C-alpha atoms as a PDB file:
ATOM      1  CA  UNK A   1     -15.659 -12.909 -28.987  1.00  0.00           C
ATOM      2  CA  UNK A   2     -12.201 -13.191 -27.497  1.00  0.00           C
ATOM      3  CA  UNK A   3     -11.619 -10.569 -24.634  1.00  0.00           C
ATOM      4  CA  UNK A   4      -8.086 -11.877 -23.853  1.00  0.00           C
ATOM      5  CA  UNK A   5      -5.323  -9.077 -24.079  1.00  0.00           C
ATOM      6  CA  UNK A   6      -2.258  -9.469 -26.156  1.00  0.00           C
ATOM      7  CA  UNK A   7       0.543 -10.002 -24.002  1.00  0.00           C
ATOM      8  CA  UNK A   8       3.122  -7.522 -24.412  1.00  0.00           C
ATOM      9  CA  UNK A   9       6.829  -9.127 -23.091  1.00  0.00           C
ATOM     10  CA  UNK A  10       9.293  -7.051 -24.391  1.00  0.00           C
ATOM     11  CA  UNK A  11      11.868  -7.414 -21.103  1.00  0.00           C
ATOM     12  CA  UNK A  12      10.141  -9.797 -19.058  1.00  0.00           C
ATOM     13  CA  UNK A  13       6.722 -11.344 -17.896  1.00  0.00           C
ATOM     14  CA  UNK A  14       5.762  -9.953 -14.672  1.00  0.00           C
ATOM     15  CA  UNK A  15       2.718  -8.476 -14.496  1.00  0.00           C
ATOM     16  CA  UNK A  16       2.217  -4.683 -14.086  1.00  0.00           C
ATOM     17  CA  UNK A  17      -0.101  -4.255 -10.984  1.00  0.00           C
ATOM     18  CA  UNK A  18      -3.170  -2.989 -11.784  1.00  0.00           C
ATOM     19  CA  UNK A  19      -3.542  -0.007  -9.445  1.00  0.00           C
ATOM     20  CA  UNK A  20      -0.659   1.767 -11.310  1.00  0.00           C
ATOM     21  CA  UNK A  21      -3.073   2.113 -14.214  1.00  0.00           C
ATOM     22  CA  UNK A  22      -6.353   3.484 -12.187  1.00  0.00           C
ATOM     23  CA  UNK A  23      -7.106   7.125 -13.121  1.00  0.00           C
ATOM     24  CA  UNK A  24      -6.893   8.472  -9.705  1.00  0.00           C
ATOM     25  CA  UNK A  25      -3.158   6.943  -9.198  1.00  0.00           C
ATOM     26  CA  UNK A  26      -2.067   7.976 -12.264  1.00  0.00           C
ATOM     27  CA  UNK A  27      -3.298  11.669 -11.397  1.00  0.00           C
ATOM     28  CA  UNK A  28      -1.409  11.819  -8.393  1.00  0.00           C
ATOM     29  CA  UNK A  29       1.686  10.460  -9.674  1.00  0.00           C
ATOM     30  CA  UNK A  30       1.853  13.245 -12.585  1.00  0.00           C
ATOM     31  CA  UNK A  31       0.663  15.726 -10.094  1.00  0.00           C
ATOM     32  CA  UNK A  32       3.313  14.774  -7.338  1.00  0.00           C
ATOM     33  CA  UNK A  33       6.088  14.412 -10.063  1.00  0.00           C
ATOM     34  CA  UNK A  34       5.476  18.010 -11.382  1.00  0.00           C
ATOM     35  CA  UNK A  35       5.295  19.583  -8.218  1.00  0.00           C
ATOM     36  CA  UNK A  36       8.505  17.790  -7.122  1.00  0.00           C
ATOM     37  CA  UNK A  37      10.432  18.870 -10.057  1.00  0.00           C
ATOM     38  CA  UNK A  38       9.674  22.148 -10.081  1.00  0.00           C
ATOM     39  CA  UNK A  39      10.614  22.852  -6.484  1.00  0.00           C
ATOM     40  CA  UNK A  40      13.449  20.543  -7.059  1.00  0.00           C
ATOM     41  CA  UNK A  41      14.861  22.828 -10.037  1.00  0.00           C
ATOM     42  CA  UNK A  42      14.607  25.982  -8.386  1.00  0.00           C
ATOM     43  CA  UNK A  43      15.917  24.871  -5.258  1.00  0.00           C
ATOM     44  CA  UNK A  44      19.071  22.909  -6.523  1.00  0.00           C
ATOM     45  CA  UNK A  45      19.593  24.316 -10.000  1.00  0.00           C
ATOM     46  CA  UNK A  46      21.134  20.823 -11.069  1.00  0.00           C
ATOM     47  CA  UNK A  47      23.230  20.543 -14.304  1.00  0.00           C
ATOM     48  CA  UNK A  48      24.039  23.987 -14.488  1.00  0.00           C
ATOM     49  CA  UNK A  49      20.630  24.944 -15.606  1.00  0.00           C
ATOM     50  CA  UNK A  50      21.006  28.302 -14.641  1.00  0.00           C
ATOM     51  CA  UNK A  51      23.572  28.859 -17.413  1.00  0.00           C
ATOM     52  CA  UNK A  52      21.052  27.588 -20.274  1.00  0.00           C
ATOM     53  CA  UNK A  53      19.358  31.053 -20.458  1.00  0.00           C
ATOM     54  CA  UNK A  54      21.128  34.026 -21.480  1.00  0.00           C
ATOM     55  CA  UNK A  55      20.917  36.845 -19.532  1.00  0.00           C
ATOM     56  CA  UNK A  56      19.402  34.623 -16.638  1.00  0.00           C
ATOM     57  CA  UNK A  57      18.024  36.217 -13.426  1.00  0.00           C
ATOM     58  CA  UNK A  58      15.557  34.755 -10.754  1.00  0.00           C
ATOM     59  CA  UNK A  59      12.698  35.483 -12.623  1.00  0.00           C
ATOM     60  CA  UNK A  60      13.542  34.296 -16.124  1.00  0.00           C
ATOM     61  CA  UNK A  61      14.840  31.218 -14.572  1.00  0.00           C
ATOM     62  CA  UNK A  62      11.622  30.600 -12.574  1.00  0.00           C
ATOM     63  CA  UNK A  63       9.459  31.032 -15.818  1.00  0.00           C
ATOM     64  CA  UNK A  64      11.833  28.968 -18.051  1.00  0.00           C
ATOM     65  CA  UNK A  65      11.725  26.210 -15.481  1.00  0.00           C
ATOM     66  CA  UNK A  66       7.868  26.222 -15.147  1.00  0.00           C
ATOM     67  CA  UNK A  67       7.544  26.107 -18.845  1.00  0.00           C
ATOM     68  CA  UNK A  68       9.832  23.124 -18.960  1.00  0.00           C
ATOM     69  CA  UNK A  69       8.000  21.263 -16.196  1.00  0.00           C
ATOM     70  CA  UNK A  70       4.573  22.163 -17.699  1.00  0.00           C
ATOM     71  CA  UNK A  71       6.103  20.693 -21.081  1.00  0.00           C
ATOM     72  CA  UNK A  72       6.764  17.480 -18.817  1.00  0.00           C
ATOM     73  CA  UNK A  73       3.602  17.132 -17.481  1.00  0.00           C
ATOM     74  CA  UNK A  74       1.452  17.897 -20.735  1.00  0.00           C
ATOM     75  CA  UNK A  75       3.730  15.098 -22.388  1.00  0.00           C
ATOM     76  CA  UNK A  76       3.247  12.729 -19.572  1.00  0.00           C
ATOM     77  CA  UNK A  77      -0.246  13.677 -19.390  1.00  0.00           C
ATOM     78  CA  UNK A  78      -0.545  12.473 -23.163  1.00  0.00           C
ATOM     79  CA  UNK A  79       1.287   9.483 -22.748  1.00  0.00           C
ATOM     80  CA  UNK A  80      -1.045   8.273 -19.819  1.00  0.00           C
ATOM     81  CA  UNK A  81      -3.794   8.678 -22.124  1.00  0.00           C
ATOM     82  CA  UNK A  82      -2.435   6.584 -24.617  1.00  0.00           C
ATOM     83  CA  UNK A  83      -1.362   4.310 -22.105  1.00  0.00           C
ATOM     84  CA  UNK A  84      -4.857   3.935 -20.843  1.00  0.00           C
ATOM     85  CA  UNK A  85      -6.221   3.043 -24.653  1.00  0.00           C
ATOM     86  CA  UNK A  86      -3.168   0.462 -24.976  1.00  0.00           C
ATOM     87  CA  UNK A  87      -3.810  -1.574 -21.930  1.00  0.00           C
ATOM     88  CA  UNK A  88      -7.550  -2.195 -23.010  1.00  0.00           C
ATOM     89  CA  UNK A  89      -6.056  -4.420 -25.944  1.00  0.00           C
ATOM     90  CA  UNK A  90      -2.504  -5.186 -24.709  1.00  0.00           C
ATOM     91  CA  UNK A  91      -1.252  -6.470 -21.321  1.00  0.00           C
ATOM     92  CA  UNK A  92       1.785  -4.449 -19.923  1.00  0.00           C
ATOM     93  CA  UNK A  93       4.760  -5.904 -18.129  1.00  0.00           C
ATOM     94  CA  UNK A  94       6.394  -4.175 -15.459  1.00  0.00           C
ATOM     95  CA  UNK A  95       9.496  -3.855 -17.386  1.00  0.00           C
ATOM     96  CA  UNK A  96       7.233  -2.592 -20.243  1.00  0.00           C
ATOM     97  CA  UNK A  97       5.682  -0.052 -18.100  1.00  0.00           C
ATOM     98  CA  UNK A  98       9.560   1.238 -17.128  1.00  0.00           C
ATOM     99  CA  UNK A  99      10.367   1.219 -20.762  1.00  0.00           C
ATOM    100  CA  UNK A 100       7.169   3.246 -21.198  1.00  0.00           C
ATOM    101  CA  UNK A 101       8.651   5.505 -18.489  1.00  0.00           C
ATOM    102  CA  UNK A 102      11.897   6.221 -20.189  1.00  0.00           C
ATOM    103  CA  UNK A 103      10.244   6.760 -23.504  1.00  0.00           C
ATOM    104  CA  UNK A 104       8.358   9.683 -21.840  1.00  0.00           C
ATOM    105  CA  UNK A 105      11.652  11.136 -20.776  1.00  0.00           C
ATOM    106  CA  UNK A 106      13.006  10.910 -24.238  1.00  0.00           C
ATOM    107  CA  UNK A 107       9.926  12.775 -25.622  1.00  0.00           C
ATOM    108  CA  UNK A 108      10.187  15.195 -22.979  1.00  0.00           C
ATOM    109  CA  UNK A 109      13.894  15.773 -23.814  1.00  0.00           C
ATOM    110  CA  UNK A 110      13.031  16.458 -27.556  1.00  0.00           C
ATOM    111  CA  UNK A 111      10.838  19.185 -26.472  1.00  0.00           C
ATOM    112  CA  UNK A 112      13.547  20.679 -24.088  1.00  0.00           C
ATOM    113  CA  UNK A 113      15.946  20.879 -27.261  1.00  0.00           C
ATOM    114  CA  UNK A 114      13.476  22.646 -29.081  1.00  0.00           C
ATOM    115  CA  UNK A 115      13.072  25.192 -26.107  1.00  0.00           C
ATOM    116  CA  UNK A 116      16.787  25.434 -26.116  1.00  0.00           C
ATOM    117  CA  UNK A 117      16.895  26.231 -29.662  1.00  0.00           C
ATOM    118  CA  UNK A 118      14.275  28.730 -29.300  1.00  0.00           C
ATOM    119  CA  UNK A 119      16.083  30.593 -26.312  1.00  0.00           C
ATOM    120  CA  UNK A 120      19.336  30.917 -27.936  1.00  0.00           C
ATOM    121  CA  UNK A 121      21.165  27.768 -25.753  1.00  0.00           C
ATOM    122  CA  UNK A 122      22.139  26.081 -28.621  1.00  0.00           C
ATOM    123  CA  UNK A 123      23.803  29.522 -30.129  1.00  0.00           C
ATOM    124  CA  UNK A 124      25.785  29.530 -26.916  1.00  0.00           C
ATOM    125  CA  UNK A 125      26.540  26.205 -26.516  1.00  0.00           C
ATOM    126  CA  UNK A 126      28.235  26.446 -30.157  1.00  0.00           C
ATOM    127  CA  UNK A 127      29.944  29.412 -29.117  1.00  0.00           C
ATOM    128  CA  UNK A 128      31.664  27.433 -26.209  1.00  0.00           C
ATOM    129  CA  UNK A 129      32.386  24.420 -28.613  1.00  0.00           C
ATOM    130  CA  UNK A 130      33.100  25.841 -32.277  1.00  0.00           C
ATOM    131  CA  UNK A 131      34.378  22.359 -33.136  1.00  0.00           C
ATOM    132  CA  UNK A 132      31.002  21.113 -33.300  1.00  0.00           C
ATOM    133  CA  UNK A 133      28.316  21.234 -36.079  1.00  0.00           C
ATOM    134  CA  UNK A 134      24.671  22.405 -35.238  1.00  0.00           C
ATOM    135  CA  UNK A 135      23.421  18.945 -35.604  1.00  0.00           C
ATOM    136  CA  UNK A 136      26.353  17.917 -33.320  1.00  0.00           C
ATOM    137  CA  UNK A 137      25.376  20.207 -30.833  1.00  0.00           C
ATOM    138  CA  UNK A 138      21.652  19.356 -30.906  1.00  0.00           C
ATOM    139  CA  UNK A 139      22.790  15.501 -30.664  1.00  0.00           C
ATOM    140  CA  UNK A 140      24.591  16.471 -27.652  1.00  0.00           C
ATOM    141  CA  UNK A 141      22.173  18.289 -25.858  1.00  0.00           C
ATOM    142  CA  UNK A 142      19.520  15.954 -26.515  1.00  0.00           C
ATOM    143  CA  UNK A 143      21.511  12.579 -24.894  1.00  0.00           C
ATOM    144  CA  UNK A 144      22.330  15.351 -22.015  1.00  0.00           C
ATOM    145  CA  UNK A 145      18.597  16.366 -21.701  1.00  0.00           C
ATOM    146  CA  UNK A 146      17.926  12.847 -21.704  1.00  0.00           C
ATOM    147  CA  UNK A 147      19.652  11.579 -19.176  1.00  0.00           C
ATOM    148  CA  UNK A 148      19.381  14.364 -16.666  1.00  0.00           C
ATOM    149  CA  UNK A 149      15.785  14.147 -17.280  1.00  0.00           C
ATOM    150  CA  UNK A 150      15.577  10.428 -16.238  1.00  0.00           C
ATOM    151  CA  UNK A 151      17.864  11.196 -13.158  1.00  0.00           C
ATOM    152  CA  UNK A 152      15.523  13.802 -12.079  1.00  0.00           C
ATOM    153  CA  UNK A 153      12.704  12.122 -12.545  1.00  0.00           C
ATOM    154  CA  UNK A 154      13.676   8.818 -10.867  1.00  0.00           C
ATOM    155  CA  UNK A 155      13.544  10.044  -7.358  1.00  0.00           C
ATOM    156  CA  UNK A 156       9.898  11.203  -7.400  1.00  0.00           C
ATOM    157  CA  UNK A 157       8.478   8.343  -9.758  1.00  0.00           C
ATOM    158  CA  UNK A 158      10.380   6.072  -7.135  1.00  0.00           C
ATOM    159  CA  UNK A 159       8.564   7.867  -4.390  1.00  0.00           C
ATOM    160  CA  UNK A 160       5.324   7.931  -6.190  1.00  0.00           C
ATOM    161  CA  UNK A 161       5.456   4.101  -6.995  1.00  0.00           C
ATOM    162  CA  UNK A 162       6.790   3.007  -3.488  1.00  0.00           C
ATOM    163  CA  UNK A 163       3.807   5.026  -1.897  1.00  0.00           C
ATOM    164  CA  UNK A 164       1.261   3.519  -4.393  1.00  0.00           C
ATOM    165  CA  UNK A 165       2.471   0.124  -3.610  1.00  0.00           C
ATOM    166  CA  UNK A 166       2.036   0.824   0.082  1.00  0.00           C
ATOM    167  CA  UNK A 167      -1.338   2.225  -0.122  1.00  0.00           C
ATOM    168  CA  UNK A 168      -2.216  -1.190  -2.241  1.00  0.00           C
ATOM    169  CA  UNK A 169      -0.637  -3.232   0.629  1.00  0.00           C
ATOM    170  CA  UNK A 170      -2.924  -1.241   3.019  1.00  0.00           C
ATOM    171  CA  UNK A 171      -5.958  -1.859   0.882  1.00  0.00           C
ATOM    172  CA  UNK A 172      -5.492  -5.444   0.474  1.00  0.00           C
ATOM    173  CA  UNK A 173      -5.072  -5.892   4.207  1.00  0.00           C
ATOM    174  CA  UNK A 174      -8.085  -4.213   4.918  1.00  0.00           C
ATOM    175  CA  UNK A 175     -10.072  -6.395   2.456  1.00  0.00           C
ATOM    176  CA  UNK A 176      -8.547  -9.217   4.000  1.00  0.00           C
ATOM    177  CA  UNK A 177      -9.739  -8.050   7.582  1.00  0.00           C
ATOM    178  CA  UNK A 178     -13.167  -7.352   6.156  1.00  0.00           C
ATOM    179  CA  UNK A 179     -13.399 -10.432   4.462  1.00  0.00           C
ATOM    180  CA  UNK A 180     -12.187 -12.266   7.795  1.00  0.00           C
ATOM    181  CA  UNK A 181     -14.822 -10.517   9.732  1.00  0.00           C
ATOM    182  CA  UNK A 182     -17.751 -11.757   7.101  1.00  0.00           C
ATOM    183  CA  UNK A 183     -16.412 -15.020   7.372  1.00  0.00           C
ATOM    184  CA  UNK A 184     -16.177 -15.198  11.117  1.00  0.00           C
ATOM    185  CA  UNK A 185     -12.563 -14.842  11.069  1.00  0.00           C
ATOM    186  CA  UNK A 186     -10.699 -13.571  14.204  1.00  0.00           C
ATOM    187  CA  UNK A 187      -6.924 -12.422  14.478  1.00  0.00           C
ATOM    188  CA  UNK A 188      -5.659 -12.990  17.881  1.00  0.00           C
ATOM    189  CA  UNK A 189      -2.724 -10.349  18.414  1.00  0.00           C
ATOM    190  CA  UNK A 190       0.064 -10.167  20.998  1.00  0.00           C
ATOM    191  CA  UNK A 191       0.869  -7.494  23.532  1.00  0.00           C
ATOM    192  CA  UNK A 192       2.915  -5.520  20.234  1.00  0.00           C
ATOM    193  CA  UNK A 193      -0.383  -5.898  18.476  1.00  0.00           C
ATOM    194  CA  UNK A 194       1.075  -8.281  16.076  1.00  0.00           C
ATOM    195  CA  UNK A 195      -1.097 -11.040  14.507  1.00  0.00           C
ATOM    196  CA  UNK A 196      -0.161 -14.073  15.823  1.00  0.00           C
ATOM    197  CA  UNK A 197      -2.998 -16.597  14.677  1.00  0.00           C
ATOM    198  CA  UNK A 198      -6.257 -16.020  12.407  1.00  0.00           C
ATOM    199  CA  UNK A 199      -8.841 -18.858  13.127  1.00  0.00           C
ATOM    200  CA  UNK A 200     -12.632 -19.278  12.903  1.00  0.00           C
ATOM    201  CA  UNK A 201     -14.080 -18.017  15.748  1.00  0.00           C
ATOM    202  CA  UNK A 202     -16.299 -21.360  16.061  1.00  0.00           C
ATOM    203  CA  UNK A 203     -13.054 -23.482  16.500  1.00  0.00           C
ATOM    204  CA  UNK A 204     -12.037 -21.405  19.900  1.00  0.00           C
ATOM    205  CA  UNK A 205     -13.363 -23.053  23.064  1.00  0.00           C
ATOM    206  CA  UNK A 206     -11.945 -20.887  25.534  1.00  0.00           C
ATOM    207  CA  UNK A 207      -8.819 -19.051  26.857  1.00  0.00           C
ATOM    208  CA  UNK A 208      -6.641 -19.100  29.995  1.00  0.00           C
ATOM    209  CA  UNK A 209      -4.194 -16.608  31.391  1.00  0.00           C
ATOM    210  CA  UNK A 210      -0.955 -17.172  33.427  1.00  0.00           C
ATOM    211  CA  UNK A 211       1.331 -14.426  34.247  1.00  0.00           C
ATOM    212  CA  UNK A 212       2.150 -12.225  30.763  1.00  0.00           C
ATOM    213  CA  UNK A 213       0.686 -15.276  28.498  1.00  0.00           C
ATOM    214  CA  UNK A 214      -2.716 -16.490  27.496  1.00  0.00           C
ATOM    215  CA  UNK A 215      -3.405 -19.899  26.296  1.00  0.00           C
ATOM    216  CA  UNK A 216      -6.047 -20.413  23.936  1.00  0.00           C
ATOM    217  CA  UNK A 217      -7.774 -23.608  23.766  1.00  0.00           C
ATOM    218  CA  UNK A 218      -8.956 -24.280  19.983  1.00  0.00           C
ATOM    219  CA  UNK A 219     -10.375 -27.151  17.846  1.00  0.00           C
ATOM    220  CA  UNK A 220      -8.100 -28.377  15.319  1.00  0.00           C
ATOM    221  CA  UNK A 221      -8.711 -31.610  12.913  1.00  0.00           C
ATOM    222  CA  UNK A 222     -11.192 -32.648  15.726  1.00  0.00           C
ATOM    223  CA  UNK A 223      -8.575 -32.349  18.473  1.00  0.00           C
ATOM    224  CA  UNK A 224      -8.378 -29.609  21.176  1.00  0.00           C
ATOM    225  CA  UNK A 225      -4.807 -27.991  21.120  1.00  0.00           C
ATOM    226  CA  UNK A 226      -3.290 -24.860  22.495  1.00  0.00           C
ATOM    227  CA  UNK A 227      -1.988 -21.693  21.086  1.00  0.00           C
ATOM    228  CA  UNK A 228       0.302 -19.941  23.685  1.00  0.00           C
ATOM    229  CA  UNK A 229       0.025 -15.931  22.960  1.00  0.00           C
ATOM    230  CA  UNK A 230       2.185 -13.186  24.609  1.00  0.00           C
ATOM    231  CA  UNK A 231      -0.428 -11.102  25.757  1.00  0.00           C
ATOM    232  CA  UNK A 232      -2.773 -10.405  28.742  1.00  0.00           C
ATOM    233  CA  UNK A 233      -7.099 -11.160  29.095  1.00  0.00           C
ATOM    234  CA  UNK A 234      -7.851  -7.367  29.327  1.00  0.00           C
ATOM    235  CA  UNK A 235      -6.060  -6.442  25.735  1.00  0.00           C
ATOM    236  CA  UNK A 236      -7.686  -9.546  24.327  1.00  0.00           C
ATOM    237  CA  UNK A 237     -10.793  -9.091  25.639  1.00  0.00           C
ATOM    238  CA  UNK A 238     -10.580  -5.428  24.218  1.00  0.00           C
ATOM    239  CA  UNK A 239      -9.696  -6.773  20.589  1.00  0.00           C
ATOM    240  CA  UNK A 240     -12.507  -9.314  20.973  1.00  0.00           C
ATOM    241  CA  UNK A 241     -15.420  -7.393  22.456  1.00  0.00           C
ATOM    242  CA  UNK A 242     -17.925  -7.341  19.635  1.00  0.00           C
ATOM    243  CA  UNK A 243     -17.429 -11.419  19.297  1.00  0.00           C
ATOM    244  CA  UNK A 244     -18.971 -14.172  21.519  1.00  0.00           C
ATOM    245  CA  UNK A 245     -15.380 -14.718  23.140  1.00  0.00           C
ATOM    246  CA  UNK A 246     -16.422 -12.961  26.251  1.00  0.00           C
ATOM    247  CA  UNK A 247     -14.485 -12.390  29.873  1.00  0.00           C
ATOM    248  CA  UNK A 248     -15.921 -14.390  32.614  1.00  0.00           C
ATOM    249  CA  UNK A 249     -13.327 -14.434  35.089  1.00  0.00           C
ATOM    250  CA  UNK A 250     -10.381 -12.848  36.064  1.00  0.00           C
ATOM    251  CA  UNK A 251      -8.627 -15.753  34.389  1.00  0.00           C
ATOM    252  CA  UNK A 252     -10.856 -16.905  31.671  1.00  0.00           C
ATOM    253  CA  UNK A 253     -12.704 -16.113  28.544  1.00  0.00           C
ATOM    254  CA  UNK A 254     -15.072 -18.181  26.611  1.00  0.00           C
ATOM    255  CA  UNK A 255     -16.380 -18.752  23.789  1.00  0.00           C
ATOM    256  CA  UNK A 256     -20.500 -18.598  24.329  1.00  0.00           C
ATOM    257  CA  UNK A 257     -20.708 -20.535  20.945  1.00  0.00           C
ATOM    258  CA  UNK A 258     -19.587 -23.466  22.744  1.00  0.00           C
ATOM    259  CA  UNK A 259     -21.626 -23.089  26.223  1.00  0.00           C
ATOM    260  CA  UNK A 260     -24.631 -25.030  26.410  1.00  0.00           C
ATOM    261  CA  UNK A 261     -25.893 -24.115  29.891  1.00  0.00           C
ATOM    262  CA  UNK A 262     -25.291 -22.027  32.786  1.00  0.00           C
ATOM    263  CA  UNK A 263     -25.515 -24.042  35.891  1.00  0.00           C
ATOM    264  CA  UNK A 264     -25.862 -21.950  39.540  1.00  0.00           C
ATOM    265  CA  UNK A 265     -23.796 -23.468  42.016  1.00  0.00           C
ATOM    266  CA  UNK A 266     -24.385 -21.900  45.276  1.00  0.00           C
ATOM    267  CA  UNK A 267     -23.732 -18.177  44.512  1.00  0.00           C
ATOM    268  CA  UNK A 268     -21.813 -18.764  41.375  1.00  0.00           C
ATOM    269  CA  UNK A 269     -22.749 -19.680  37.909  1.00  0.00           C
ATOM    270  CA  UNK A 270     -20.775 -22.570  36.158  1.00  0.00           C
ATOM    271  CA  UNK A 271     -20.048 -22.571  32.578  1.00  0.00           C
ATOM    272  CA  UNK A 272     -20.826 -26.203  30.941  1.00  0.00           C
ATOM    273  CA  UNK A 273     -19.543 -26.556  27.328  1.00  0.00           C
ATOM    274  CA  UNK A 274     -20.841 -28.919  24.472  1.00  0.00           C
ATOM    275  CA  UNK A 275     -17.343 -30.777  24.694  1.00  0.00           C
ATOM    276  CA  UNK A 276     -17.582 -33.227  27.497  1.00  0.00           C
ATOM    277  CA  UNK A 277     -13.461 -32.866  27.541  1.00  0.00           C
ATOM    278  CA  UNK A 278     -13.392 -29.275  28.987  1.00  0.00           C
ATOM    279  CA  UNK A 279     -13.582 -28.790  32.530  1.00  0.00           C
ATOM    280  CA  UNK A 280     -16.622 -26.466  33.735  1.00  0.00           C
ATOM    281  CA  UNK A 281     -15.551 -22.978  34.172  1.00  0.00           C
ATOM    282  CA  UNK A 282     -16.735 -20.366  36.858  1.00  0.00           C
ATOM    283  CA  UNK A 283     -18.243 -17.306  36.354  1.00  0.00           C
ATOM    284  CA  UNK A 284     -17.328 -14.440  38.741  1.00  0.00           C
ATOM    285  CA  UNK A 285     -19.828 -12.230  40.536  1.00  0.00           C
ATOM    286  CA  UNK A 286     -18.576  -9.196  38.643  1.00  0.00           C
ATOM    287  CA  UNK A 287     -19.051 -10.890  34.933  1.00  0.00           C
ATOM    288  CA  UNK A 288     -22.434 -12.610  35.756  1.00  0.00           C
ATOM    289  CA  UNK A 289     -24.547 -10.005  34.351  1.00  0.00           C
ATOM    290  CA  UNK A 290     -22.716  -9.532  31.094  1.00  0.00           C
ATOM    291  CA  UNK A 291     -22.290 -13.057  30.651  1.00  0.00           C
ATOM    292  CA  UNK A 292     -25.975 -13.550  30.999  1.00  0.00           C
ATOM    293  CA  UNK A 293     -26.671 -11.072  28.608  1.00  0.00           C
ATOM    294  CA  UNK A 294     -23.963 -12.439  25.976  1.00  0.00           C
ATOM    295  CA  UNK A 295     -25.130 -15.979  26.338  1.00  0.00           C
ATOM    296  CA  UNK A 296     -28.787 -14.735  25.415  1.00  0.00           C
ATOM    297  CA  UNK A 297     -27.470 -12.870  22.381  1.00  0.00           C
ATOM    298  CA  UNK A 298     -25.143 -15.290  21.106  1.00  0.00           C
ATOM    299  CA  UNK A 299     -26.899 -18.642  21.808  1.00  0.00           C
ATOM    300  CA  UNK A 300     -28.099 -20.778  18.732  1.00  0.00           C
END
């Protein structure tokens, strides 16, 4: 059985991000848009909407505006349910999604015209425009309502889309970070917390500090290369505290995965690496106990 979806490409081929169709995100967008619209209408009363209702007062205005927003919420909710069935068979693109949102505004506007007819706004409109027929008045009100609805929904929709996109990016970054941890990838950050180097932990040999910089020695294509990081060993050791890369000296951190032995030289321990081209590094007295414990833990 062919499970591929038919691709609907009316105005483009940029695929619609899947997170926009997730149930929780759909509900969040509808609720946010509903609350925003209700607050916006009652505070700013856009498009001279206070003149739409005969014998208008604050209570009547709030009731009718709530009814209009509720109608919009119901229409959009039904639309999203239909979209949920459609995307099971049809792969929407982002322009298709935008077109769908505009269609929502058109359908909502049709309901608004019906409400305008019921509350007597169309009769008032005809009195102010005697040259128009009833259908001309309805047509005029419909297109104004559509334009107003689109502009009024543009801000909350844009905010909601930007928020969901930001949440999606954060989720992806966290996923990458978790995957990196599973694959023994470490992220070396500078003094501002920005990632400057992502590397397999087994490729790191040691780090040496000098002033406000740390030089990281690591293996790349069977060669030992340097990477200069603007930070200090205290911050770097805090970032890597749960890894085999441990502080052993005021100026050094070493990767215990590459340590073959700890040789005692008089009163100090000397670290010997599995790579002969690396000089031996001394362990300071203040770090001897922690290095011995970590060496036992991470020794292969």
